[in-house]
């Protein structure tokens, strides 16, 4: 097992100390469990979708075949070419 040293806000430290006392665990074990729980919440295929779920279906215009002709559309928009000075 590796060691990690980090600084946390005072209120979070107090909260974790109280949790450790109540559950009869060490502060390190409380921190480990919280890190593992946070990692499990964000992992899995749904986690990435959840981040953009409110945006899906909001674009109503634009090319319908963008994924098939991406390079052509980028070239049309001048992507990768130097900008003209204003």
PDB file of N, CA and C in Angstrom:
ATOM      1  N   UNK A   1       0.842  -1.174   0.000  1.00  0.00           N
ATOM      2  CA  UNK A   1       0.000   0.000   0.000  1.00  0.00           C
ATOM      3  C   UNK A   1       0.886   1.236   0.000  1.00  0.00           C
ATOM      4  N   UNK A   2       0.517   2.243  -0.781  1.00  0.00           N
ATOM      5  CA  UNK A   2       1.311   3.458  -0.861  1.00  0.00           C
ATOM      6  C   UNK A   2       0.794   4.512   0.106  1.00  0.00           C
ATOM      7  N   UNK A   3       1.657   5.459   0.411  1.00  0.00           N
ATOM      8  CA  UNK A   3       1.300   6.559   1.300  1.00  0.00           C
ATOM      9  C   UNK A   3       1.040   7.810   0.478  1.00  0.00           C
ATOM     10  N   UNK A   4       0.006   8.549   0.860  1.00  0.00           N
ATOM     11  CA  UNK A   4      -0.348   9.803   0.199  1.00  0.00           C
ATOM     12  C   UNK A   4      -0.547  10.845   1.281  1.00  0.00           C
ATOM     13  N   UNK A   5       0.108  11.969   1.125  1.00  0.00           N
ATOM     14  CA  UNK A   5      -0.046  13.061   2.078  1.00  0.00           C
ATOM     15  C   UNK A   5      -0.753  14.194   1.357  1.00  0.00           C
ATOM     16  N   UNK A   6      -1.854  14.686   1.955  1.00  0.00           N
ATOM     17  CA  UNK A   6      -2.554  15.806   1.342  1.00  0.00           C
ATOM     18  C   UNK A   6      -3.124  16.701   2.417  1.00  0.00           C
ATOM     19  N   UNK A   7      -3.404  17.924   2.024  1.00  0.00           N
ATOM     20  CA  UNK A   7      -3.988  18.894   2.947  1.00  0.00           C
ATOM     21  C   UNK A   7      -5.471  19.010   2.632  1.00  0.00           C
ATOM     22  N   UNK A   8      -6.283  19.010   3.687  1.00  0.00           N
ATOM     23  CA  UNK A   8      -7.719  19.134   3.500  1.00  0.00           C
ATOM     24  C   UNK A   8      -8.222  20.298   4.350  1.00  0.00           C
ATOM     25  N   UNK A   9      -9.357  20.874   3.999  1.00  0.00           N
ATOM     26  CA  UNK A   9      -9.907  21.979   4.795  1.00  0.00           C
ATOM     27  C   UNK A   9     -10.215  21.528   6.228  1.00  0.00           C
ATOM     28  N   UNK A  10     -10.140  22.476   7.151  1.00  0.00           N
ATOM     29  CA  UNK A  10     -10.347  22.165   8.567  1.00  0.00           C
ATOM     30  C   UNK A  10     -11.713  21.541   8.825  1.00  0.00           C
ATOM     31  N   UNK A  11     -12.759  22.041   8.156  1.00  0.00           N
ATOM     32  CA  UNK A  11     -14.090  21.501   8.410  1.00  0.00           C
ATOM     33  C   UNK A  11     -14.203  20.044   7.944  1.00  0.00           C
ATOM     34  N   UNK A  12     -13.559  19.708   6.844  1.00  0.00           N
ATOM     35  CA  UNK A  12     -13.559  18.325   6.366  1.00  0.00           C
ATOM     36  C   UNK A  12     -12.776  17.436   7.329  1.00  0.00           C
ATOM     37  N   UNK A  13     -11.673  17.945   7.860  1.00  0.00           N
ATOM     38  CA  UNK A  13     -10.874  17.180   8.826  1.00  0.00           C
ATOM     39  C   UNK A  13     -11.696  16.882  10.074  1.00  0.00           C
ATOM     40  N   UNK A  14     -12.430  17.890  10.567  1.00  0.00           N
ATOM     41  CA  UNK A  14     -13.268  17.678  11.749  1.00  0.00           C
ATOM     42  C   UNK A  14     -14.365  16.650  11.471  1.00  0.00           C
ATOM     43  N   UNK A  15     -14.958  16.749  10.285  1.00  0.00           N
ATOM     44  CA  UNK A  15     -16.013  15.806   9.904  1.00  0.00           C
ATOM     45  C   UNK A  15     -15.480  14.374   9.847  1.00  0.00           C
ATOM     46  N   UNK A  16     -14.300  14.212   9.263  1.00  0.00           N
ATOM     47  CA  UNK A  16     -13.715  12.873   9.157  1.00  0.00           C
ATOM     48  C   UNK A  16     -13.276  12.344  10.520  1.00  0.00           C
ATOM     49  N   UNK A  17     -12.775  13.215  11.377  1.00  0.00           N
ATOM     50  CA  UNK A  17     -12.396  12.793  12.732  1.00  0.00           C
ATOM     51  C   UNK A  17     -13.618  12.312  13.505  1.00  0.00           C
ATOM     52  N   UNK A  18     -14.724  13.035  13.374  1.00  0.00           N
ATOM     53  CA  UNK A  18     -15.958  12.637  14.061  1.00  0.00           C
ATOM     54  C   UNK A  18     -16.449  11.289  13.523  1.00  0.00           C
ATOM     55  N   UNK A  19     -16.394  11.117  12.214  1.00  0.00           N
ATOM     56  CA  UNK A  19     -16.802   9.847  11.612  1.00  0.00           C
ATOM     57  C   UNK A  19     -15.916   8.706  12.098  1.00  0.00           C
ATOM     58  N   UNK A  20     -14.627   8.971  12.217  1.00  0.00           N
ATOM     59  CA  UNK A  20     -13.690   7.943  12.683  1.00  0.00           C
ATOM     60  C   UNK A  20     -13.998   7.544  14.128  1.00  0.00           C
ATOM     61  N   UNK A  21     -14.290   8.534  14.964  1.00  0.00           N
ATOM     62  CA  UNK A  21     -14.629   8.229  16.363  1.00  0.00           C
ATOM     63  C   UNK A  21     -15.914   7.412  16.453  1.00  0.00           C
ATOM     64  N   UNK A  22     -16.938   7.836  15.689  1.00  0.00           N
ATOM     65  CA  UNK A  22     -18.239   7.162  15.745  1.00  0.00           C
ATOM     66  C   UNK A  22     -18.166   5.725  15.232  1.00  0.00           C
ATOM     67  N   UNK A  23     -17.378   5.512  14.204  1.00  0.00           N
ATOM     68  CA  UNK A  23     -17.314   4.187  13.593  1.00  0.00           C
ATOM     69  C   UNK A  23     -16.164   3.335  14.134  1.00  0.00           C
ATOM     70  N   UNK A  24     -15.393   3.884  15.057  1.00  0.00           N
ATOM     71  CA  UNK A  24     -14.243   3.170  15.654  1.00  0.00           C
ATOM     72  C   UNK A  24     -13.240   2.737  14.583  1.00  0.00           C
ATOM     73  N   UNK A  25     -12.995   3.640  13.639  1.00  0.00           N
ATOM     74  CA  UNK A  25     -12.005   3.403  12.590  1.00  0.00           C
ATOM     75  C   UNK A  25     -10.924   4.466  12.693  1.00  0.00           C
ATOM     76  N   UNK A  26      -9.815   4.232  12.020  1.00  0.00           N
ATOM     77  CA  UNK A  26      -8.780   5.261  11.967  1.00  0.00           C
ATOM     78  C   UNK A  26      -9.186   6.314  10.932  1.00  0.00           C
ATOM     79  N   UNK A  27      -8.606   7.497  11.052  1.00  0.00           N
ATOM     80  CA  UNK A  27      -8.873   8.549  10.065  1.00  0.00           C
ATOM     81  C   UNK A  27      -8.428   8.095   8.678  1.00  0.00           C
ATOM     82  N   UNK A  28      -7.351   7.335   8.633  1.00  0.00           N
ATOM     83  CA  UNK A  28      -6.868   6.833   7.346  1.00  0.00           C
ATOM     84  C   UNK A  28      -7.893   5.908   6.702  1.00  0.00           C
ATOM     85  N   UNK A  29      -8.513   5.053   7.505  1.00  0.00           N
ATOM     86  CA  UNK A  29      -9.517   4.132   6.966  1.00  0.00           C
ATOM     87  C   UNK A  29     -10.747   4.898   6.474  1.00  0.00           C
ATOM     88  N   UNK A  30     -11.141   5.915   7.206  1.00  0.00           N
ATOM     89  CA  UNK A  30     -12.273   6.744   6.774  1.00  0.00           C
ATOM     90  C   UNK A  30     -11.941   7.414   5.439  1.00  0.00           C
ATOM     91  N   UNK A  31     -10.741   7.967   5.328  1.00  0.00           N
ATOM     92  CA  UNK A  31     -10.330   8.623   4.084  1.00  0.00           C
ATOM     93  C   UNK A  31     -10.285   7.618   2.938  1.00  0.00           C
ATOM     94  N   UNK A  32      -9.734   6.424   3.195  1.00  0.00           N
ATOM     95  CA  UNK A  32      -9.678   5.373   2.164  1.00  0.00           C
ATOM     96  C   UNK A  32     -11.073   5.014   1.669  1.00  0.00           C
ATOM     97  N   UNK A  33     -11.988   4.812   2.599  1.00  0.00           N
ATOM     98  CA  UNK A  33     -13.359   4.437   2.223  1.00  0.00           C
ATOM     99  C   UNK A  33     -14.044   5.540   1.423  1.00  0.00           C
ATOM    100  N   UNK A  34     -13.805   6.779   1.813  1.00  0.00           N
ATOM    101  CA  UNK A  34     -14.405   7.897   1.072  1.00  0.00           C
ATOM    102  C   UNK A  34     -13.824   7.992  -0.343  1.00  0.00           C
ATOM    103  N   UNK A  35     -12.533   7.793  -0.468  1.00  0.00           N
ATOM    104  CA  UNK A  35     -11.913   7.835  -1.803  1.00  0.00           C
ATOM    105  C   UNK A  35     -12.426   6.702  -2.690  1.00  0.00           C
ATOM    106  N   UNK A  36     -12.542   5.520  -2.117  1.00  0.00           N
ATOM    107  CA  UNK A  36     -13.041   4.383  -2.887  1.00  0.00           C
ATOM    108  C   UNK A  36     -14.487   4.628  -3.310  1.00  0.00           C
ATOM    109  N   UNK A  37     -15.313   5.121  -2.396  1.00  0.00           N
ATOM    110  CA  UNK A  37     -16.720   5.390  -2.712  1.00  0.00           C
ATOM    111  C   UNK A  37     -16.837   6.452  -3.809  1.00  0.00           C
ATOM    112  N   UNK A  38     -16.017   7.490  -3.739  1.00  0.00           N
ATOM    113  CA  UNK A  38     -16.054   8.538  -4.762  1.00  0.00           C
ATOM    114  C   UNK A  38     -15.621   7.982  -6.109  1.00  0.00           C
ATOM    115  N   UNK A  39     -14.643   7.115  -6.119  1.00  0.00           N
ATOM    116  CA  UNK A  39     -14.188   6.502  -7.366  1.00  0.00           C
ATOM    117  C   UNK A  39     -15.231   5.597  -7.975  1.00  0.00           C
ATOM    118  N   UNK A  40     -15.965   4.881  -7.145  1.00  0.00           N
ATOM    119  CA  UNK A  40     -17.007   3.987  -7.646  1.00  0.00           C
ATOM    120  C   UNK A  40     -18.187   4.764  -8.205  1.00  0.00           C
ATOM    121  N   UNK A  41     -18.471   5.918  -7.642  1.00  0.00           N
ATOM    122  CA  UNK A  41     -19.569   6.746  -8.143  1.00  0.00           C
ATOM    123  C   UNK A  41     -19.276   7.246  -9.544  1.00  0.00           C
ATOM    124  N   UNK A  42     -18.034   7.562  -9.828  1.00  0.00           N
ATOM    125  CA  UNK A  42     -17.678   8.170 -11.106  1.00  0.00           C
ATOM    126  C   UNK A  42     -17.294   7.147 -12.168  1.00  0.00           C
ATOM    127  N   UNK A  43     -17.144   5.892 -11.782  1.00  0.00           N
ATOM    128  CA  UNK A  43     -16.702   4.908 -12.764  1.00  0.00           C
ATOM    129  C   UNK A  43     -17.898   4.253 -13.440  1.00  0.00           C
ATOM    130  N   UNK A  44     -17.624   3.559 -14.511  1.00  0.00           N
ATOM    131  CA  UNK A  44     -18.673   2.873 -15.245  1.00  0.00           C
ATOM    132  C   UNK A  44     -19.100   3.674 -16.449  1.00  0.00           C
ATOM    133  N   UNK A  45     -19.756   3.021 -17.399  1.00  0.00           N
ATOM    134  CA  UNK A  45     -20.125   3.698 -18.638  1.00  0.00           C
ATOM    135  C   UNK A  45     -21.142   4.818 -18.436  1.00  0.00           C
ATOM    136  N   UNK A  46     -21.993   4.711 -17.436  1.00  0.00           N
ATOM    137  CA  UNK A  46     -23.019   5.731 -17.236  1.00  0.00           C
ATOM    138  C   UNK A  46     -22.428   7.029 -16.693  1.00  0.00           C
ATOM    139  N   UNK A  47     -21.298   6.964 -16.011  1.00  0.00           N
ATOM    140  CA  UNK A  47     -20.738   8.157 -15.383  1.00  0.00           C
ATOM    141  C   UNK A  47     -20.420   9.227 -16.410  1.00  0.00           C
ATOM    142  N   UNK A  48     -19.805   8.871 -17.520  1.00  0.00           N
ATOM    143  CA  UNK A  48     -19.491   9.848 -18.556  1.00  0.00           C
ATOM    144  C   UNK A  48     -20.741  10.421 -19.183  1.00  0.00           C
ATOM    145  N   UNK A  49     -21.731   9.581 -19.421  1.00  0.00           N
ATOM    146  CA  UNK A  49     -22.980  10.050 -20.002  1.00  0.00           C
ATOM    147  C   UNK A  49     -23.710  10.976 -19.047  1.00  0.00           C
ATOM    148  N   UNK A  50     -23.670  10.675 -17.769  1.00  0.00           N
ATOM    149  CA  UNK A  50     -24.354  11.514 -16.785  1.00  0.00           C
ATOM    150  C   UNK A  50     -23.850  12.951 -16.823  1.00  0.00           C
ATOM    151  N   UNK A  51     -22.583  13.130 -17.149  1.00  0.00           N
ATOM    152  CA  UNK A  51     -22.011  14.467 -17.195  1.00  0.00           C
ATOM    153  C   UNK A  51     -22.576  15.306 -18.334  1.00  0.00           C
ATOM    154  N   UNK A  52     -23.020  14.663 -19.405  1.00  0.00           N
ATOM    155  CA  UNK A  52     -23.521  15.410 -20.561  1.00  0.00           C
ATOM    156  C   UNK A  52     -24.988  15.127 -20.870  1.00  0.00           C
ATOM    157  N   UNK A  53     -25.666  14.400 -20.012  1.00  0.00           N
ATOM    158  CA  UNK A  53     -27.043  13.975 -20.284  1.00  0.00           C
ATOM    159  C   UNK A  53     -27.962  15.158 -20.578  1.00  0.00           C
ATOM    160  N   UNK A  54     -27.769  16.271 -19.891  1.00  0.00           N
ATOM    161  CA  UNK A  54     -28.641  17.420 -20.114  1.00  0.00           C
ATOM    162  C   UNK A  54     -28.393  18.086 -21.468  1.00  0.00           C
ATOM    163  N   UNK A  55     -27.289  17.786 -22.126  1.00  0.00           N
ATOM    164  CA  UNK A  55     -26.969  18.390 -23.417  1.00  0.00           C
ATOM    165  C   UNK A  55     -27.414  17.547 -24.603  1.00  0.00           C
ATOM    166  N   UNK A  56     -27.661  16.274 -24.382  1.00  0.00           N
ATOM    167  CA  UNK A  56     -28.016  15.368 -25.473  1.00  0.00           C
ATOM    168  C   UNK A  56     -29.335  15.819 -26.087  1.00  0.00           C
ATOM    169  N   UNK A  57     -29.309  15.997 -27.409  1.00  0.00           N
ATOM    170  CA  UNK A  57     -30.516  16.388 -28.132  1.00  0.00           C
ATOM    171  C   UNK A  57     -30.770  17.875 -28.170  1.00  0.00           C
ATOM    172  N   UNK A  58     -29.844  18.690 -27.672  1.00  0.00           N
ATOM    173  CA  UNK A  58     -30.089  20.133 -27.648  1.00  0.00           C
ATOM    174  C   UNK A  58     -29.620  20.836 -28.908  1.00  0.00           C
ATOM    175  N   UNK A  59     -28.782  20.204 -29.706  1.00  0.00           N
ATOM    176  CA  UNK A  59     -28.318  20.810 -30.946  1.00  0.00           C
ATOM    177  C   UNK A  59     -29.331  20.479 -32.039  1.00  0.00           C
ATOM    178  N   UNK A  60     -29.917  21.520 -32.618  1.00  0.00           N
ATOM    179  CA  UNK A  60     -30.981  21.290 -33.591  1.00  0.00           C
ATOM    180  C   UNK A  60     -30.549  21.576 -35.019  1.00  0.00           C
ATOM    181  N   UNK A  61     -29.422  22.231 -35.192  1.00  0.00           N
ATOM    182  CA  UNK A  61     -28.976  22.505 -36.555  1.00  0.00           C
ATOM    183  C   UNK A  61     -27.566  21.970 -36.755  1.00  0.00           C
ATOM    184  N   UNK A  62     -27.076  22.076 -37.962  1.00  0.00           N
ATOM    185  CA  UNK A  62     -25.747  21.565 -38.269  1.00  0.00           C
ATOM    186  C   UNK A  62     -25.862  20.340 -39.149  1.00  0.00           C
ATOM    187  N   UNK A  63     -24.744  19.881 -39.638  1.00  0.00           N
ATOM    188  CA  UNK A  63     -24.769  18.736 -40.543  1.00  0.00           C
ATOM    189  C   UNK A  63     -25.186  17.450 -39.833  1.00  0.00           C
ATOM    190  N   UNK A  64     -25.979  16.657 -40.511  1.00  0.00           N
ATOM    191  CA  UNK A  64     -26.450  15.405 -39.919  1.00  0.00           C
ATOM    192  C   UNK A  64     -25.424  14.283 -40.063  1.00  0.00           C
ATOM    193  N   UNK A  65     -24.425  14.500 -40.934  1.00  0.00           N
ATOM    194  CA  UNK A  65     -23.413  13.466 -41.150  1.00  0.00           C
ATOM    195  C   UNK A  65     -22.041  13.904 -40.653  1.00  0.00           C
ATOM    196  N   UNK A  66     -22.019  14.695 -39.586  1.00  0.00           N
ATOM    197  CA  UNK A  66     -20.778  15.257 -39.062  1.00  0.00           C
ATOM    198  C   UNK A  66     -19.765  14.169 -38.693  1.00  0.00           C
ATOM    199  N   UNK A  67     -20.215  13.085 -38.095  1.00  0.00           N
ATOM    200  CA  UNK A  67     -19.257  12.062 -37.672  1.00  0.00           C
ATOM    201  C   UNK A  67     -18.621  11.355 -38.858  1.00  0.00           C
ATOM    202  N   UNK A  68     -19.307  11.296 -39.986  1.00  0.00           N
ATOM    203  CA  UNK A  68     -18.772  10.610 -41.165  1.00  0.00           C
ATOM    204  C   UNK A  68     -17.881  11.525 -41.996  1.00  0.00           C
ATOM    205  N   UNK A  69     -18.118  12.847 -41.906  1.00  0.00           N
ATOM    206  CA  UNK A  69     -17.372  13.781 -42.762  1.00  0.00           C
ATOM    207  C   UNK A  69     -16.696  14.879 -41.943  1.00  0.00           C
ATOM    208  N   UNK A  70     -16.179  14.528 -40.790  1.00  0.00           N
ATOM    209  CA  UNK A  70     -15.579  15.502 -39.881  1.00  0.00           C
ATOM    210  C   UNK A  70     -14.471  16.310 -40.544  1.00  0.00           C
ATOM    211  N   UNK A  71     -13.541  15.647 -41.212  1.00  0.00           N
ATOM    212  CA  UNK A  71     -12.399  16.349 -41.812  1.00  0.00           C
ATOM    213  C   UNK A  71     -12.862  17.366 -42.852  1.00  0.00           C
ATOM    214  N   UNK A  72     -13.852  17.012 -43.638  1.00  0.00           N
ATOM    215  CA  UNK A  72     -14.356  17.939 -44.653  1.00  0.00           C
ATOM    216  C   UNK A  72     -14.956  19.190 -44.017  1.00  0.00           C
ATOM    217  N   UNK A  73     -15.741  19.006 -42.965  1.00  0.00           N
ATOM    218  CA  UNK A  73     -16.366  20.153 -42.304  1.00  0.00           C
ATOM    219  C   UNK A  73     -15.331  21.031 -41.608  1.00  0.00           C
ATOM    220  N   UNK A  74     -14.328  20.415 -41.005  1.00  0.00           N
ATOM    221  CA  UNK A  74     -13.276  21.205 -40.371  1.00  0.00           C
ATOM    222  C   UNK A  74     -12.501  22.009 -41.399  1.00  0.00           C
ATOM    223  N   UNK A  75     -12.246  21.410 -42.543  1.00  0.00           N
ATOM    224  CA  UNK A  75     -11.536  22.100 -43.608  1.00  0.00           C
ATOM    225  C   UNK A  75     -12.362  23.282 -44.111  1.00  0.00           C
ATOM    226  N   UNK A  76     -13.665  23.102 -44.249  1.00  0.00           N
ATOM    227  CA  UNK A  76     -14.549  24.182 -44.681  1.00  0.00           C
ATOM    228  C   UNK A  76     -14.530  25.363 -43.712  1.00  0.00           C
ATOM    229  N   UNK A  77     -14.425  25.060 -42.422  1.00  0.00           N
ATOM    230  CA  UNK A  77     -14.408  26.106 -41.399  1.00  0.00           C
ATOM    231  C   UNK A  77     -13.027  26.728 -41.221  1.00  0.00           C
ATOM    232  N   UNK A  78     -12.013  26.204 -41.910  1.00  0.00           N
ATOM    233  CA  UNK A  78     -10.668  26.767 -41.809  1.00  0.00           C
ATOM    234  C   UNK A  78      -9.897  26.290 -40.595  1.00  0.00           C
ATOM    235  N   UNK A  79     -10.313  25.181 -40.003  1.00  0.00           N
ATOM    236  CA  UNK A  79      -9.628  24.647 -38.837  1.00  0.00           C
ATOM    237  C   UNK A  79      -8.189  24.290 -39.180  1.00  0.00           C
ATOM    238  N   UNK A  80      -7.242  24.729 -38.368  1.00  0.00           N
ATOM    239  CA  UNK A  80      -5.837  24.414 -38.556  1.00  0.00           C
ATOM    240  C   UNK A  80      -5.075  25.452 -39.348  1.00  0.00           C
ATOM    241  N   UNK A  81      -5.784  26.400 -39.940  1.00  0.00           N
ATOM    242  CA  UNK A  81      -5.116  27.462 -40.691  1.00  0.00           C
ATOM    243  C   UNK A  81      -4.867  28.631 -39.753  1.00  0.00           C
ATOM    244  N   UNK A  82      -3.775  29.364 -40.008  1.00  0.00           N
ATOM    245  CA  UNK A  82      -3.494  30.526 -39.149  1.00  0.00           C
ATOM    246  C   UNK A  82      -4.607  31.565 -39.284  1.00  0.00           C
ATOM    247  N   UNK A  83      -4.896  32.211 -38.199  1.00  0.00           N
ATOM    248  CA  UNK A  83      -5.918  33.271 -38.201  1.00  0.00           C
ATOM    249  C   UNK A  83      -5.345  34.550 -38.789  1.00  0.00           C
ATOM    250  N   UNK A  84      -6.189  35.261 -39.449  1.00  0.00           N
ATOM    251  CA  UNK A  84      -5.764  36.563 -39.967  1.00  0.00           C
ATOM    252  C   UNK A  84      -5.757  37.573 -38.819  1.00  0.00           C
ATOM    253  N   UNK A  85      -4.769  38.445 -38.780  1.00  0.00           N
ATOM    254  CA  UNK A  85      -4.743  39.465 -37.718  1.00  0.00           C
ATOM    255  C   UNK A  85      -5.924  40.409 -37.884  1.00  0.00           C
ATOM    256  N   UNK A  86      -6.434  40.894 -36.785  1.00  0.00           N
ATOM    257  CA  UNK A  86      -7.591  41.813 -36.819  1.00  0.00           C
ATOM    258  C   UNK A  86      -7.175  43.205 -37.095  1.00  0.00           C
TER     259      UNK A  86
END
